[in-house]
């Protein structure tokens, strides 16, 4: 079924304000990078400043994520939350992906807003990091936030 067909079942398209609020409230998504026939998908914590999404990469000697990021101009990013089968949201972003020179890193408030697993925090203290920006130029969001008609209490 298409999104248009599902709208009759309670699915809603999210407007720009709802997408921004959702992105600001979340901290983890899935980054998609072109990698031949199958995209390279990697869970990433992020910070959102209202216009762009920022990722802090923890880099190893042969980082596939870095190599693929350097080989592409565009990436996709999916952020979702599923509280119940009848309450979930999903936002898909697309845009230009680029490394940010250290001198131009976003301010401390943006960089520290991203949630990271504790293991990565410890590793970042002694490893190489890089900050990447996804400059969002395409965004869409959908949500379902209620019971379908057949599940609603009709007794008042």
N, C-alpha and C. Protein backbone atom coordinates (compact mmCIF):
# COMPACT_ATOMS: atom_id res chain seq x y z
N UNK A 1 0.84 -1.19 0.00
CA UNK A 1 0.00 0.00 0.00
C UNK A 1 0.88 1.24 0.00
N UNK A 2 0.38 2.26 -0.60
CA UNK A 2 1.11 3.52 -0.64
C UNK A 2 0.80 4.33 0.62
N UNK A 3 1.61 5.36 0.86
CA UNK A 3 1.37 6.24 2.00
C UNK A 3 0.01 6.90 1.87
N UNK A 4 -0.35 7.29 0.67
CA UNK A 4 -1.66 7.91 0.45
C UNK A 4 -2.78 6.97 0.87
N UNK A 5 -2.68 5.71 0.52
CA UNK A 5 -3.70 4.73 0.91
C UNK A 5 -3.72 4.50 2.42
N UNK A 6 -2.55 4.54 3.05
CA UNK A 6 -2.47 4.32 4.50
C UNK A 6 -2.96 5.52 5.30
N UNK A 7 -3.00 6.70 4.68
CA UNK A 7 -3.50 7.87 5.39
C UNK A 7 -4.93 7.67 5.85
N UNK A 8 -5.70 6.90 5.15
CA UNK A 8 -7.06 6.59 5.55
C UNK A 8 -7.13 5.66 6.75
N UNK A 9 -6.00 5.06 7.09
CA UNK A 9 -5.93 4.15 8.23
C UNK A 9 -5.28 4.79 9.45
N UNK A 10 -5.05 6.08 9.41
CA UNK A 10 -4.48 6.79 10.56
C UNK A 10 -3.04 7.24 10.40
N UNK A 11 -2.42 6.91 9.29
CA UNK A 11 -1.06 7.38 9.03
C UNK A 11 -1.10 8.86 8.70
N UNK A 12 -0.14 9.63 9.20
CA UNK A 12 -0.08 11.06 8.92
C UNK A 12 1.30 11.43 8.39
N UNK A 13 1.34 12.34 7.45
CA UNK A 13 2.60 12.92 7.01
C UNK A 13 2.98 13.99 8.03
N UNK A 14 4.25 14.04 8.38
CA UNK A 14 4.72 15.04 9.33
C UNK A 14 5.11 16.31 8.59
N UNK A 15 4.74 17.47 9.14
CA UNK A 15 5.14 18.73 8.54
C UNK A 15 6.55 19.10 9.01
N UNK A 16 7.09 20.19 8.47
CA UNK A 16 8.46 20.61 8.79
C UNK A 16 8.67 20.79 10.30
N UNK A 17 7.71 21.41 10.97
CA UNK A 17 7.84 21.64 12.42
C UNK A 17 7.88 20.32 13.18
N UNK A 18 7.01 19.38 12.83
CA UNK A 18 6.98 18.08 13.51
C UNK A 18 8.26 17.30 13.25
N UNK A 19 8.78 17.38 12.04
CA UNK A 19 10.04 16.70 11.72
C UNK A 19 11.17 17.29 12.57
N UNK A 20 11.25 18.62 12.65
CA UNK A 20 12.30 19.26 13.45
C UNK A 20 12.20 18.90 14.92
N UNK A 21 11.00 18.91 15.47
CA UNK A 21 10.81 18.54 16.88
C UNK A 21 11.23 17.10 17.13
N UNK A 22 10.86 16.22 16.22
CA UNK A 22 11.22 14.81 16.37
C UNK A 22 12.73 14.62 16.31
N UNK A 23 13.39 15.25 15.34
CA UNK A 23 14.85 15.11 15.23
C UNK A 23 15.55 15.66 16.47
N UNK A 24 15.04 16.76 17.01
CA UNK A 24 15.65 17.36 18.20
C UNK A 24 15.47 16.47 19.43
N UNK A 25 14.41 15.69 19.46
CA UNK A 25 14.12 14.85 20.63
C UNK A 25 14.83 13.50 20.58
N UNK A 26 15.29 13.10 19.42
CA UNK A 26 15.95 11.80 19.26
C UNK A 26 17.47 11.98 19.27
N UNK A 27 18.20 10.85 19.25
CA UNK A 27 19.65 10.96 19.25
C UNK A 27 20.35 9.86 18.46
N UNK A 28 19.59 8.92 17.92
CA UNK A 28 20.19 7.79 17.20
C UNK A 28 19.40 7.53 15.92
N UNK A 29 20.12 7.21 14.85
CA UNK A 29 19.48 6.85 13.60
C UNK A 29 20.38 5.92 12.82
N UNK A 30 20.03 5.70 11.57
CA UNK A 30 20.80 4.80 10.71
C UNK A 30 21.29 5.59 9.50
N UNK A 31 22.61 5.69 9.37
CA UNK A 31 23.23 6.38 8.25
C UNK A 31 23.38 5.40 7.10
N UNK A 32 22.97 5.82 5.91
CA UNK A 32 23.09 4.99 4.71
C UNK A 32 24.06 5.62 3.73
N UNK A 33 25.10 4.86 3.40
CA UNK A 33 26.13 5.33 2.46
C UNK A 33 26.14 4.42 1.24
N UNK A 34 26.30 4.99 0.03
CA UNK A 34 26.38 4.15 -1.16
C UNK A 34 27.57 3.20 -1.08
N UNK A 35 27.30 1.93 -1.41
CA UNK A 35 28.36 0.92 -1.37
C UNK A 35 28.05 -0.19 -2.36
N UNK A 36 28.00 0.15 -3.61
CA UNK A 36 27.71 -0.87 -4.62
C UNK A 36 26.24 -1.23 -4.62
N UNK A 37 25.95 -2.53 -4.74
CA UNK A 37 24.56 -2.98 -4.83
C UNK A 37 23.81 -2.85 -3.51
N UNK A 38 24.52 -3.00 -2.40
CA UNK A 38 23.88 -2.95 -1.09
C UNK A 38 24.44 -1.75 -0.33
N UNK A 39 23.58 -0.82 0.10
CA UNK A 39 24.08 0.34 0.85
C UNK A 39 24.72 -0.11 2.17
N UNK A 40 25.69 0.65 2.60
CA UNK A 40 26.32 0.43 3.91
C UNK A 40 25.47 1.18 4.93
N UNK A 41 24.88 0.45 5.85
CA UNK A 41 24.01 1.02 6.87
C UNK A 41 24.67 0.88 8.23
N UNK A 42 24.73 1.98 8.96
CA UNK A 42 25.41 1.96 10.24
C UNK A 42 24.63 2.82 11.25
N UNK A 43 24.36 2.27 12.44
CA UNK A 43 23.70 3.09 13.45
C UNK A 43 24.65 4.19 13.93
N UNK A 44 24.10 5.40 14.06
CA UNK A 44 24.93 6.55 14.45
C UNK A 44 24.18 7.42 15.43
N UNK A 45 24.90 7.91 16.42
CA UNK A 45 24.34 8.98 17.24
C UNK A 45 24.55 10.28 16.47
N UNK A 46 23.74 11.27 16.79
CA UNK A 46 23.83 12.51 16.03
C UNK A 46 23.43 13.70 16.90
N UNK A 47 23.78 14.87 16.42
CA UNK A 47 23.31 16.14 16.97
C UNK A 47 22.61 16.86 15.83
N UNK A 48 21.56 17.60 16.16
CA UNK A 48 20.76 18.31 15.16
C UNK A 48 20.67 19.77 15.57
N UNK A 49 21.00 20.67 14.64
CA UNK A 49 20.97 22.11 14.95
C UNK A 49 19.81 22.85 14.29
N UNK A 50 18.88 22.11 13.73
CA UNK A 50 17.74 22.72 13.06
C UNK A 50 17.86 22.70 11.55
N UNK A 51 19.09 22.61 11.04
CA UNK A 51 19.32 22.60 9.60
C UNK A 51 20.16 21.42 9.13
N UNK A 52 21.08 20.98 9.98
CA UNK A 52 22.00 19.90 9.62
C UNK A 52 22.07 18.88 10.75
N UNK A 53 22.54 17.70 10.38
CA UNK A 53 22.79 16.64 11.34
C UNK A 53 24.31 16.45 11.38
N UNK A 54 24.86 16.29 12.58
CA UNK A 54 26.30 16.13 12.76
C UNK A 54 26.60 14.77 13.38
N UNK A 55 27.61 14.12 12.82
CA UNK A 55 28.06 12.82 13.31
C UNK A 55 29.51 12.93 13.74
N UNK A 56 29.86 12.28 14.83
CA UNK A 56 31.26 12.16 15.23
C UNK A 56 31.68 10.73 14.94
N UNK A 57 32.58 10.58 13.99
CA UNK A 57 33.09 9.26 13.62
C UNK A 57 34.27 8.92 14.51
N UNK A 58 34.27 7.73 15.06
CA UNK A 58 35.44 7.17 15.73
C UNK A 58 36.12 6.31 14.67
N UNK A 59 37.35 6.66 14.32
CA UNK A 59 37.99 6.06 13.16
C UNK A 59 39.08 5.08 13.55
N UNK A 60 39.07 3.95 12.87
CA UNK A 60 40.14 2.98 13.00
C UNK A 60 41.06 3.09 11.79
N UNK A 61 42.05 2.20 11.73
CA UNK A 61 43.02 2.25 10.64
C UNK A 61 42.39 2.05 9.27
N UNK A 62 41.40 1.20 9.18
CA UNK A 62 40.77 0.93 7.88
C UNK A 62 39.26 1.15 7.99
N UNK A 63 38.86 2.36 8.30
CA UNK A 63 37.46 2.70 8.51
C UNK A 63 36.67 2.69 7.20
N UNK A 64 35.77 1.72 7.08
CA UNK A 64 34.91 1.64 5.90
C UNK A 64 33.99 2.86 5.84
N UNK A 65 33.51 3.27 6.99
CA UNK A 65 32.61 4.42 7.07
C UNK A 65 33.30 5.68 6.53
N UNK A 66 34.53 5.90 6.92
CA UNK A 66 35.27 7.07 6.42
C UNK A 66 35.50 6.96 4.92
N UNK A 67 35.94 5.80 4.47
CA UNK A 67 36.22 5.61 3.04
C UNK A 67 34.97 5.87 2.20
N UNK A 68 33.84 5.28 2.60
CA UNK A 68 32.60 5.48 1.84
C UNK A 68 32.11 6.92 1.94
N UNK A 69 32.29 7.55 3.10
CA UNK A 69 31.88 8.95 3.27
C UNK A 69 32.69 9.86 2.36
N UNK A 70 33.97 9.57 2.20
CA UNK A 70 34.83 10.38 1.35
C UNK A 70 34.54 10.15 -0.13
N UNK A 71 33.97 9.00 -0.47
CA UNK A 71 33.70 8.67 -1.87
C UNK A 71 32.34 9.17 -2.36
N UNK A 72 31.52 9.71 -1.47
CA UNK A 72 30.19 10.13 -1.88
C UNK A 72 29.96 11.60 -1.57
N UNK A 73 29.03 12.17 -2.29
CA UNK A 73 28.61 13.54 -2.01
C UNK A 73 27.31 13.57 -1.21
N UNK A 74 26.53 12.49 -1.30
CA UNK A 74 25.21 12.44 -0.66
C UNK A 74 25.05 11.19 0.18
N UNK A 75 24.22 11.34 1.21
CA UNK A 75 23.92 10.20 2.09
C UNK A 75 22.47 10.31 2.54
N UNK A 76 21.97 9.21 3.06
CA UNK A 76 20.64 9.17 3.64
C UNK A 76 20.75 8.89 5.13
N UNK A 77 19.76 9.32 5.88
CA UNK A 77 19.75 9.10 7.32
C UNK A 77 18.31 8.87 7.76
N UNK A 78 18.09 7.78 8.47
CA UNK A 78 16.76 7.40 8.95
C UNK A 78 16.73 7.48 10.46
N UNK A 79 15.76 8.20 11.01
CA UNK A 79 15.54 8.27 12.44
C UNK A 79 14.13 7.78 12.69
N UNK A 80 13.96 6.87 13.64
CA UNK A 80 12.63 6.35 13.91
C UNK A 80 12.47 6.05 15.39
N UNK A 81 11.23 5.98 15.81
CA UNK A 81 10.89 5.59 17.17
C UNK A 81 9.59 4.81 17.10
N UNK A 82 9.55 3.69 17.78
CA UNK A 82 8.34 2.86 17.78
C UNK A 82 8.00 2.54 19.23
N UNK A 83 7.10 3.33 19.80
CA UNK A 83 6.71 3.12 21.19
C UNK A 83 5.78 1.92 21.32
N UNK A 84 4.81 1.79 20.41
CA UNK A 84 3.89 0.66 20.38
C UNK A 84 3.58 0.37 18.92
N UNK A 85 2.80 -0.67 18.68
CA UNK A 85 2.39 -0.99 17.31
C UNK A 85 1.50 0.10 16.72
N UNK A 86 0.91 0.93 17.57
CA UNK A 86 0.00 1.98 17.11
C UNK A 86 0.54 3.39 17.32
N UNK A 87 1.78 3.49 17.78
CA UNK A 87 2.38 4.79 18.01
C UNK A 87 3.85 4.74 17.59
N UNK A 88 4.13 5.27 16.41
CA UNK A 88 5.50 5.28 15.90
C UNK A 88 5.68 6.45 14.96
N UNK A 89 6.94 6.81 14.74
CA UNK A 89 7.32 7.91 13.85
C UNK A 89 8.58 7.52 13.09
N UNK A 90 8.70 8.05 11.89
CA UNK A 90 9.85 7.77 11.05
C UNK A 90 10.16 8.99 10.20
N UNK A 91 11.43 9.42 10.21
CA UNK A 91 11.87 10.56 9.40
C UNK A 91 13.05 10.11 8.55
N UNK A 92 12.97 10.40 7.27
CA UNK A 92 14.03 10.08 6.32
C UNK A 92 14.62 11.38 5.80
N UNK A 93 15.95 11.48 5.91
CA UNK A 93 16.68 12.68 5.48
C UNK A 93 17.63 12.33 4.35
N UNK A 94 17.87 13.27 3.49
CA UNK A 94 18.88 13.14 2.45
C UNK A 94 19.62 14.45 2.34
N UNK A 95 20.88 14.38 1.96
CA UNK A 95 21.63 15.62 1.81
C UNK A 95 23.09 15.39 1.52
N UNK A 96 23.79 16.51 1.42
CA UNK A 96 25.22 16.48 1.16
C UNK A 96 25.96 16.10 2.43
N UNK A 97 26.86 15.14 2.32
CA UNK A 97 27.67 14.69 3.45
C UNK A 97 29.10 15.17 3.25
N UNK A 98 29.64 15.84 4.27
CA UNK A 98 31.01 16.33 4.13
C UNK A 98 31.70 16.35 5.48
N UNK A 99 33.01 16.11 5.42
CA UNK A 99 33.84 16.21 6.63
C UNK A 99 34.00 17.68 6.96
N UNK A 100 34.03 17.98 8.24
CA UNK A 100 34.22 19.35 8.69
C UNK A 100 35.63 19.48 9.23
N UNK A 101 36.41 20.44 8.74
CA UNK A 101 37.74 20.65 9.30
C UNK A 101 37.64 20.96 10.79
N UNK A 102 38.62 20.50 11.55
CA UNK A 102 38.58 20.67 13.00
C UNK A 102 38.37 22.14 13.41
N UNK A 103 38.95 23.06 12.70
CA UNK A 103 38.80 24.48 13.02
C UNK A 103 37.37 24.98 12.85
N UNK A 104 36.55 24.21 12.10
CA UNK A 104 35.18 24.62 11.83
C UNK A 104 34.15 23.74 12.52
N UNK A 105 34.57 22.91 13.49
CA UNK A 105 33.63 22.05 14.20
C UNK A 105 32.49 22.89 14.76
N UNK A 106 31.28 22.31 14.78
CA UNK A 106 30.17 23.04 15.38
C UNK A 106 30.44 23.34 16.85
N UNK A 107 29.71 24.30 17.39
CA UNK A 107 29.98 24.68 18.78
C UNK A 107 29.80 23.49 19.73
N UNK A 108 30.36 23.63 20.90
CA UNK A 108 30.38 22.55 21.90
C UNK A 108 28.98 22.04 22.22
N UNK A 109 28.00 22.92 22.29
CA UNK A 109 26.64 22.51 22.62
C UNK A 109 26.09 21.53 21.58
N UNK A 110 26.37 21.77 20.31
CA UNK A 110 25.91 20.87 19.26
C UNK A 110 26.67 19.55 19.32
N UNK A 111 27.99 19.62 19.47
CA UNK A 111 28.79 18.39 19.47
C UNK A 111 28.50 17.51 20.66
N UNK A 112 28.20 18.08 21.81
CA UNK A 112 27.96 17.25 23.00
C UNK A 112 26.51 16.83 23.12
N UNK A 113 25.64 17.32 22.23
CA UNK A 113 24.23 16.93 22.28
C UNK A 113 24.03 15.49 21.84
N UNK A 114 24.94 14.97 21.06
CA UNK A 114 24.79 13.61 20.55
C UNK A 114 25.06 12.58 21.64
N UNK A 115 24.15 11.63 21.78
CA UNK A 115 24.33 10.53 22.71
C UNK A 115 25.30 9.54 22.09
N UNK A 116 26.19 8.99 22.90
CA UNK A 116 27.12 7.97 22.42
C UNK A 116 27.22 6.85 23.44
N UNK A 117 27.39 5.61 22.97
CA UNK A 117 27.64 4.53 23.93
C UNK A 117 28.90 4.83 24.73
N UNK A 118 28.90 4.46 25.98
CA UNK A 118 30.02 4.75 26.87
C UNK A 118 31.32 4.18 26.33
N UNK A 119 31.28 3.01 25.73
CA UNK A 119 32.48 2.39 25.15
C UNK A 119 33.10 3.31 24.11
N UNK A 120 32.28 3.94 23.27
CA UNK A 120 32.79 4.85 22.25
C UNK A 120 33.36 6.11 22.87
N UNK A 121 32.75 6.58 23.94
CA UNK A 121 33.28 7.77 24.63
C UNK A 121 34.70 7.51 25.11
N UNK A 122 34.93 6.33 25.72
CA UNK A 122 36.27 6.00 26.20
C UNK A 122 37.24 5.87 25.05
N UNK A 123 36.82 5.21 23.97
CA UNK A 123 37.70 5.01 22.82
C UNK A 123 38.03 6.34 22.14
N UNK A 124 37.07 7.26 22.11
CA UNK A 124 37.31 8.56 21.46
C UNK A 124 38.39 9.36 22.16
N UNK A 125 38.55 9.13 23.46
CA UNK A 125 39.57 9.88 24.21
C UNK A 125 40.98 9.54 23.73
N UNK A 126 41.15 8.34 23.16
CA UNK A 126 42.49 7.94 22.73
C UNK A 126 42.58 7.66 21.23
N UNK A 127 41.45 7.74 20.52
CA UNK A 127 41.47 7.42 19.10
C UNK A 127 41.24 8.65 18.24
N UNK A 128 41.29 8.42 16.95
CA UNK A 128 41.08 9.51 16.00
C UNK A 128 39.59 9.70 15.77
N UNK A 129 39.16 10.95 15.76
CA UNK A 129 37.77 11.25 15.47
C UNK A 129 37.69 12.23 14.30
N UNK A 130 36.53 12.24 13.66
CA UNK A 130 36.24 13.21 12.61
C UNK A 130 34.78 13.57 12.74
N UNK A 131 34.44 14.81 12.43
CA UNK A 131 33.06 15.26 12.48
C UNK A 131 32.58 15.45 11.04
N UNK A 132 31.41 14.89 10.76
CA UNK A 132 30.79 15.00 9.44
C UNK A 132 29.45 15.71 9.58
N UNK A 133 29.11 16.47 8.55
CA UNK A 133 27.84 17.17 8.51
C UNK A 133 26.99 16.62 7.37
N UNK A 134 25.74 16.34 7.66
CA UNK A 134 24.76 16.03 6.64
C UNK A 134 23.90 17.29 6.50
N UNK A 135 24.14 18.05 5.43
CA UNK A 135 23.37 19.28 5.16
C UNK A 135 22.05 18.85 4.52
N UNK A 136 20.99 18.87 5.27
CA UNK A 136 19.70 18.31 4.85
C UNK A 136 19.08 19.15 3.74
N UNK A 137 18.77 18.49 2.62
CA UNK A 137 18.04 19.18 1.56
C UNK A 137 16.78 18.41 1.16
N UNK A 138 16.58 17.26 1.75
CA UNK A 138 15.39 16.46 1.48
C UNK A 138 14.97 15.80 2.78
N UNK A 139 13.72 16.00 3.17
CA UNK A 139 13.23 15.41 4.42
C UNK A 139 11.77 15.03 4.25
N UNK A 140 11.43 13.90 4.85
CA UNK A 140 10.03 13.48 4.88
C UNK A 140 9.83 12.70 6.17
N UNK A 141 8.62 12.76 6.67
CA UNK A 141 8.31 12.06 7.90
C UNK A 141 6.88 11.57 7.91
N UNK A 142 6.68 10.43 8.55
CA UNK A 142 5.34 9.88 8.72
C UNK A 142 5.20 9.43 10.17
N UNK A 143 3.96 9.38 10.61
CA UNK A 143 3.70 8.91 11.97
C UNK A 143 2.32 8.27 12.04
N UNK A 144 2.19 7.40 13.00
CA UNK A 144 0.91 6.80 13.33
C UNK A 144 0.79 6.93 14.84
N UNK A 145 -0.20 7.64 15.29
CA UNK A 145 -0.26 7.96 16.72
C UNK A 145 -1.60 7.62 17.35
N UNK A 146 -2.23 6.58 16.89
CA UNK A 146 -3.50 6.22 17.51
C UNK A 146 -4.00 4.88 17.04
N UNK A 147 -5.00 4.40 17.72
CA UNK A 147 -5.59 3.12 17.37
C UNK A 147 -6.43 3.26 16.10
N UNK A 148 -6.41 2.23 15.24
CA UNK A 148 -7.27 2.27 14.07
C UNK A 148 -8.74 2.18 14.50
N UNK A 149 -9.63 2.55 13.60
CA UNK A 149 -11.05 2.63 13.91
C UNK A 149 -11.58 1.35 14.57
N UNK A 150 -11.21 0.21 14.14
CA UNK A 150 -11.72 -1.05 14.69
C UNK A 150 -11.27 -1.33 16.11
N UNK A 151 -10.25 -0.61 16.62
CA UNK A 151 -9.74 -0.84 17.96
C UNK A 151 -10.20 0.22 18.97
N UNK A 152 -10.83 1.26 18.49
CA UNK A 152 -11.26 2.35 19.37
C UNK A 152 -12.46 1.94 20.21
N UNK A 153 -12.52 2.47 21.41
CA UNK A 153 -13.66 2.24 22.29
C UNK A 153 -14.83 3.07 21.77
N UNK A 154 -15.87 2.40 21.33
CA UNK A 154 -17.01 3.10 20.77
C UNK A 154 -18.15 3.24 21.77
N UNK A 155 -17.96 2.80 23.01
CA UNK A 155 -19.02 2.88 24.02
C UNK A 155 -19.05 4.24 24.71
N UNK A 156 -18.20 5.15 24.36
CA UNK A 156 -18.25 6.49 24.89
C UNK A 156 -17.21 6.75 25.88
